Protein backbone atom coordinates (compact mmCIF):
# COMPACT_ATOMS: atom_id res chain seq x y z
CA UNK A 1 140.37 -23.38 103.95
CA UNK A 2 143.96 -22.29 102.87
CA UNK A 3 146.95 -23.54 104.68
CA UNK A 4 147.40 -20.62 106.61
CA UNK A 5 143.98 -20.83 108.06
CA UNK A 6 144.26 -24.38 108.77
CA UNK A 7 147.54 -23.84 110.69
CA UNK A 8 145.62 -20.94 112.56
CA UNK A 9 142.96 -22.97 113.65
CA UNK A 10 145.29 -25.62 114.98
CA UNK A 11 147.37 -23.22 116.89
CA UNK A 12 144.41 -21.62 118.42
CA UNK A 13 143.00 -25.08 119.50
CA UNK A 14 146.35 -26.04 121.00
CA UNK A 15 146.56 -22.67 122.79
CA UNK A 16 142.99 -22.82 124.22
CA UNK A 17 143.82 -26.56 125.43
CA UNK A 18 147.00 -25.12 126.99
CA UNK A 19 144.91 -22.79 129.25
CA UNK A 20 142.18 -25.58 129.84
CA UNK A 21 144.91 -27.81 130.68
CA UNK A 22 145.11 -26.12 134.48
CA UNK A 23 141.97 -27.90 135.34
CA UNK A 24 143.65 -31.38 135.18
CA UNK A 25 147.37 -30.72 135.27
CA UNK A 26 147.70 -27.67 137.43
CA UNK A 27 150.23 -25.06 136.96
CA UNK A 28 152.35 -26.93 134.15
CA UNK A 29 154.74 -25.42 131.61
CA UNK A 30 151.87 -25.75 128.69
CA UNK A 31 149.38 -23.58 130.99
CA UNK A 32 152.15 -20.97 131.71
CA UNK A 33 152.86 -20.93 127.91
CA UNK A 34 149.09 -20.24 127.00
CA UNK A 35 148.82 -17.64 129.99
CA UNK A 36 151.96 -15.76 129.05
CA UNK A 37 150.95 -15.68 125.41
CA UNK A 38 147.36 -14.42 126.21
CA UNK A 39 148.69 -11.72 128.42
CA UNK A 40 151.25 -10.59 126.04
CA UNK A 41 148.66 -10.42 123.16
CA UNK A 42 146.21 -8.61 125.23
CA UNK A 43 148.75 -5.93 126.49
CA UNK A 44 149.73 -5.48 122.69
CA UNK A 45 146.10 -5.30 121.64
CA UNK A 46 145.17 -2.84 124.55
CA UNK A 47 148.18 -0.52 123.82
CA UNK A 48 147.22 -0.27 120.37
CA UNK A 49 143.67 0.38 121.18
CA UNK A 50 144.74 3.27 123.49
CA UNK A 51 147.11 4.65 120.91
CA UNK A 52 144.46 4.78 118.44
CA UNK A 53 141.99 6.11 120.80
CA UNK A 54 144.40 8.92 121.78
CA UNK A 55 145.12 9.78 118.08
CA UNK A 56 141.47 10.19 117.28
CA UNK A 57 140.54 11.90 120.39
CA UNK A 58 143.52 14.10 121.27
CA UNK A 59 146.63 14.33 118.89
CA UNK A 60 144.53 14.46 115.36
CA UNK A 61 142.12 17.28 116.76
CA UNK A 62 144.87 19.32 118.71
CA UNK A 63 147.03 19.08 115.37
CA UNK A 64 143.94 20.41 113.44
CA UNK A 65 143.57 23.49 115.84
CA UNK A 66 141.77 22.37 119.02
CA UNK A 67 144.44 23.38 121.28
CA UNK A 68 142.06 23.59 124.27
CA UNK A 69 142.31 19.66 124.29
CA UNK A 70 145.96 20.16 125.54
CA UNK A 71 144.54 20.69 128.87
CA UNK A 72 142.78 17.41 128.81
CA UNK A 73 145.87 15.64 127.83
CA UNK A 74 147.91 17.41 130.63
CA UNK A 75 145.48 16.15 133.12
CA UNK A 76 144.99 12.75 131.88
CA UNK A 77 149.11 12.54 131.80
CA UNK A 78 149.12 13.53 135.32
CA UNK A 79 147.72 10.15 136.30
CA UNK A 80 151.09 8.72 135.29
CA UNK A 81 152.71 10.70 138.13
CA UNK A 82 151.85 7.93 140.57
CA UNK A 83 154.80 6.26 139.29
CA UNK A 84 157.41 9.03 139.95
CA UNK A 85 158.24 10.91 142.98
CA UNK A 86 155.79 13.49 142.27
CA UNK A 87 152.69 11.26 143.38
CA UNK A 88 150.88 13.96 144.67
CA UNK A 89 150.09 15.23 140.94
CA UNK A 90 148.04 12.07 140.41
CA UNK A 91 145.44 13.22 142.71
CA UNK A 92 144.07 16.02 140.48
CA UNK A 93 143.06 13.75 137.55
CA UNK A 94 141.49 11.08 140.10
CA UNK A 95 139.59 14.04 141.75
CA UNK A 96 138.39 15.42 138.44
CA UNK A 97 137.25 12.14 137.12
CA UNK A 98 135.55 11.06 140.39
CA UNK A 99 133.80 14.56 140.66
CA UNK A 100 132.44 14.61 137.00
CA UNK A 101 131.58 10.80 137.25
CA UNK A 102 129.44 11.29 140.35
CA UNK A 103 127.62 14.19 138.96
CA UNK A 104 127.09 12.82 135.58
CA UNK A 105 125.92 9.32 136.81
CA UNK A 106 124.08 10.15 140.15
CA UNK A 107 120.87 11.43 138.57
CA UNK A 108 120.74 8.82 135.92
CA UNK A 109 121.65 5.87 138.42
CA UNK A 110 118.79 7.21 140.75
CA UNK A 111 116.35 7.29 137.89
CA UNK A 112 117.12 4.09 136.17
CA UNK A 113 118.21 1.76 139.15
CA UNK A 114 115.48 3.08 141.75
CA UNK A 115 112.81 5.24 140.59
CA UNK A 116 112.07 3.40 137.49
CA UNK A 117 112.34 0.23 139.22
CA UNK A 118 109.62 1.45 141.93
CA UNK A 119 107.58 3.03 139.38
CA UNK A 120 107.31 -0.16 137.24
CA UNK A 121 106.60 -2.29 140.56
CA UNK A 122 103.70 0.05 141.29
CA UNK A 123 102.45 -0.20 137.92
CA UNK A 124 102.32 -3.80 137.78
CA UNK A 125 100.79 -3.80 141.20
CA UNK A 126 98.04 -1.44 139.86
CA UNK A 127 97.51 -3.79 136.84
CA UNK A 128 97.98 -6.76 138.71
CA UNK A 129 100.79 -8.06 136.53
CA UNK A 130 101.57 -11.07 136.13
CA UNK A 131 99.16 -12.04 138.90
CA UNK A 132 97.89 -10.57 142.31
CA UNK A 133 100.11 -12.70 144.39
CA UNK A 134 103.40 -11.91 142.33
CA UNK A 135 102.60 -8.28 142.11
CA UNK A 136 102.49 -7.88 145.94
CA UNK A 137 105.41 -10.04 146.37
CA UNK A 138 107.45 -7.79 143.86
CA UNK A 139 106.21 -4.94 145.99
CA UNK A 140 107.05 -6.11 149.38
CA UNK A 141 110.48 -7.23 148.11
CA UNK A 142 111.52 -3.94 146.33
CA UNK A 143 110.28 -1.88 149.54
CA UNK A 144 112.12 -4.28 151.90
CA UNK A 145 115.36 -4.32 149.82
CA UNK A 146 115.59 -0.41 149.61
CA UNK A 147 115.06 -0.38 153.50
CA UNK A 148 117.97 -3.11 153.97
CA UNK A 149 120.16 -0.42 152.44
CA UNK A 150 119.28 2.16 154.85
CA UNK A 151 122.06 2.67 157.42
CA UNK A 152 121.16 5.63 159.09
CA UNK A 153 119.07 3.92 161.49
CA UNK A 154 119.91 0.70 163.51
CA UNK A 155 118.33 -2.48 162.30
CA UNK A 156 116.69 -3.82 165.57
CA UNK A 157 112.97 -4.35 166.57
CA UNK A 158 110.12 -4.00 163.86
CA UNK A 159 112.73 -2.04 161.61
CA UNK A 160 115.18 -4.93 161.95
CA UNK A 161 112.36 -7.50 160.88
CA UNK A 162 111.57 -5.93 157.98
CA UNK A 163 115.34 -5.64 157.03
CA UNK A 164 115.62 -9.40 157.52
CA UNK A 165 112.72 -9.76 155.03
CA UNK A 166 114.81 -7.46 152.61
CA UNK A 167 117.72 -9.63 153.03
CA UNK A 168 115.71 -13.14 152.18
CA UNK A 169 114.54 -11.27 148.98
CA UNK A 170 118.08 -10.00 148.29
CA UNK A 171 119.53 -13.51 148.78
CA UNK A 172 116.75 -15.34 146.60
CA UNK A 173 117.73 -12.86 143.82
CA UNK A 174 121.51 -13.28 144.16
CA UNK A 175 120.86 -17.07 144.19
CA UNK A 176 119.04 -16.87 140.91
CA UNK A 177 121.70 -14.61 139.34
CA UNK A 178 124.51 -16.97 140.23
CA UNK A 179 122.64 -20.02 139.00
CA UNK A 180 121.74 -18.30 135.76
CA UNK A 181 125.58 -17.00 135.41
CA UNK A 182 126.65 -20.56 136.04
CA UNK A 183 124.50 -22.21 133.32
CA UNK A 184 125.53 -19.47 130.93
CA UNK A 185 129.18 -20.24 131.70
CA UNK A 186 128.76 -23.78 131.43
CA UNK A 187 127.08 -23.38 128.00
CA UNK A 188 130.05 -21.29 127.09
CA UNK A 189 132.58 -23.61 128.05
CA UNK A 190 130.75 -26.44 126.15
CA UNK A 191 130.55 -24.36 122.94
CA UNK A 192 134.30 -23.87 123.29
CA UNK A 193 134.98 -27.53 123.66
CA UNK A 194 132.61 -28.23 120.63
CA UNK A 195 134.47 -25.69 118.63
CA UNK A 196 137.95 -26.90 119.68
CA UNK A 197 136.75 -30.40 118.25
CA UNK A 198 134.77 -29.10 115.35
CA UNK A 199 137.11 -26.69 113.66
CA UNK A 200 140.21 -28.76 113.27
CA UNK A 201 138.16 -31.59 111.90
CA UNK A 202 136.50 -29.03 109.57
CA UNK A 203 139.90 -27.89 108.61
CA UNK A 204 140.93 -31.34 107.01
CA UNK A 205 137.88 -31.90 105.45
CA UNK A 206 135.83 -33.89 108.05
CA UNK A 207 132.39 -32.32 108.60
CA UNK A 208 131.17 -32.44 112.03
């Protein structure tokens, strides 16, 4: 490794430790330095990324003759009107974006998150996959979870009992997702700590 690369490794490790110092020392001067440095770098990176995106999708095509893109550019710029006294103008880009977004994603969301899931569940039930009991439990969980999100009827009586079953399945799935995420985060933290030790040692010739 070159001296510059070695210096970058040690500086990066030190800044990472500054961020982790909040766990043991709270809001110290080291944590504040690492936090502000990270926020500044993130803002600068985001600014240049947005500018590059605007250049490739708006400025360059407009300069090449696609003048109709000026309308999109103006509508997007109106979003910043919220920072001025003409705040009402920011409603138009929000309304356009919301309307188009709902129209484009609604059908795809219904198909991918509901219809495909129900179809897969019924297919597994017919084919008895992975086993009869699991197939039946998956079908019951899918149907009762859908009933739980039906708010046009009061959750009382027999209907309320079905909703409670759906809530139990939802809580079980949320618990599994939370446990899995925590394991992944812990694994990422361990990997980070290993790299903080390994990389500096490698930079000075000690193989870990």
